[in-house]
Amino acid sequence: MRIEFPNKEVVNSATGGINFPVIVDDNQVTCRVSKEALEDIDPENRINSVEQQFSENRTILEDIVRKKIENADEDLFITSSDISSKNI
């Protein structure tokens, strides 16, 4: 299975989180990251914008999505519970 992460993230104006594309075997899907997950991933820097939090923690977020895809989880929505279970 080939998984790619293009650098095309956007702020989801409805939720305040981030949406970003993931290409899985030539099929593009959208992953969503909640605003709360972005705040929880680096609590000391909650004051940073969601774009900064995403950018600074992109590798961790991509790892979470990669595991969801490999486990056939169709819900590519990263929440605070995904962050806390990662033991960051």
Protein backbone atom coordinates (compact mmCIF):
# COMPACT_ATOMS: atom_id res chain seq x y z
CA MET A 1 0.00 0.00 0.00
CA ARG A 2 1.39 3.38 -0.99
CA ILE A 3 0.51 6.36 1.20
CA GLU A 4 1.50 9.93 0.32
CA PHE A 5 0.91 13.22 2.08
CA PRO A 6 0.89 16.24 -0.27
CA ASN A 7 1.57 19.63 1.34
CA LYS A 8 -1.91 21.05 0.76
CA GLU A 9 -3.44 21.50 4.19
CA VAL A 10 -6.22 24.03 4.71
CA VAL A 11 -7.98 25.43 7.74
CA ASN A 12 -11.52 24.10 8.06
CA SER A 13 -13.41 27.34 8.68
CA ALA A 14 -16.42 25.47 10.07
CA THR A 15 -14.49 23.59 12.77
CA GLY A 16 -11.27 25.54 13.24
CA GLY A 17 -9.24 22.41 12.59
CA ILE A 18 -7.15 21.38 9.60
CA ASN A 19 -8.06 19.29 6.56
CA PHE A 20 -5.32 17.73 4.46
CA PRO A 21 -5.23 15.29 1.55
CA VAL A 22 -3.86 11.78 1.74
CA ILE A 23 -3.21 9.75 -1.38
CA VAL A 24 -3.67 6.02 -0.88
CA ASP A 25 -2.75 3.92 -3.92
CA ASP A 26 -3.55 6.82 -6.30
CA ASN A 27 -6.88 7.63 -4.58
CA GLN A 28 -7.13 10.93 -2.74
CA VAL A 29 -9.02 11.09 0.53
CA THR A 30 -9.30 13.90 3.07
CA CYS A 31 -8.07 13.66 6.63
CA ARG A 32 -9.47 16.02 9.22
CA VAL A 33 -7.73 17.11 12.42
CA SER A 34 -9.85 18.66 15.16
CA LYS A 35 -8.86 21.99 16.66
CA GLU A 36 -8.77 20.31 20.06
CA ALA A 37 -6.32 17.66 18.82
CA LEU A 38 -4.06 20.40 17.48
CA GLU A 39 -4.20 22.15 20.85
CA ASP A 40 -3.53 18.92 22.76
CA ILE A 41 -0.63 17.71 20.62
CA ASP A 42 1.64 20.42 22.08
CA PRO A 43 -0.12 21.98 25.07
CA GLU A 44 2.74 24.33 25.86
CA ASN A 45 2.20 26.02 22.49
CA ARG A 46 -1.61 26.20 22.44
CA ILE A 47 -1.27 29.88 21.69
CA ASN A 48 0.15 29.02 18.26
CA SER A 49 -2.20 29.04 15.29
CA VAL A 50 -3.64 25.72 14.12
CA GLU A 51 -1.47 26.06 11.01
CA GLN A 52 1.66 26.32 13.17
CA GLN A 53 0.59 23.41 15.36
CA PHE A 54 -0.09 21.29 12.28
CA SER A 55 3.20 22.23 10.64
CA GLU A 56 5.29 21.62 13.75
CA ASN A 57 3.63 18.26 14.46
CA ARG A 58 2.98 17.09 10.92
CA THR A 59 5.08 13.92 11.23
CA ILE A 60 3.17 12.76 14.30
CA LEU A 61 -0.18 13.49 12.64
CA GLU A 62 0.85 11.67 9.46
CA ASP A 63 1.92 8.65 11.56
CA ILE A 64 -1.51 8.57 13.20
CA VAL A 65 -3.24 8.71 9.80
CA ARG A 66 -0.92 6.07 8.35
CA LYS A 67 -1.82 3.67 11.18
CA LYS A 68 -5.53 4.37 10.72
CA ILE A 69 -5.23 3.56 7.01
CA GLU A 70 -3.17 0.42 7.62
CA ASN A 71 -5.80 -0.73 10.15
CA ALA A 72 -8.55 -0.14 7.57
CA ASP A 73 -10.07 2.64 9.66
CA GLU A 74 -12.26 4.56 7.22
CA ASP A 75 -12.72 7.52 9.57
CA LEU A 76 -9.68 9.68 8.94
CA PHE A 77 -10.57 12.16 11.65
CA ILE A 78 -7.87 12.84 14.25
CA THR A 79 -9.28 13.78 17.64
CA SER A 80 -7.79 14.45 21.06
CA SER A 81 -8.24 10.78 21.94
CA ASP A 82 -5.92 9.85 19.06
CA ILE A 83 -3.34 12.27 20.45
CA SER A 84 -3.59 11.01 24.04
CA SER A 85 -3.40 7.37 22.93
CA LYS A 86 -0.20 8.24 21.07
CA ASN A 87 1.38 9.13 24.44
CA ILE A 88 3.03 12.24 23.10
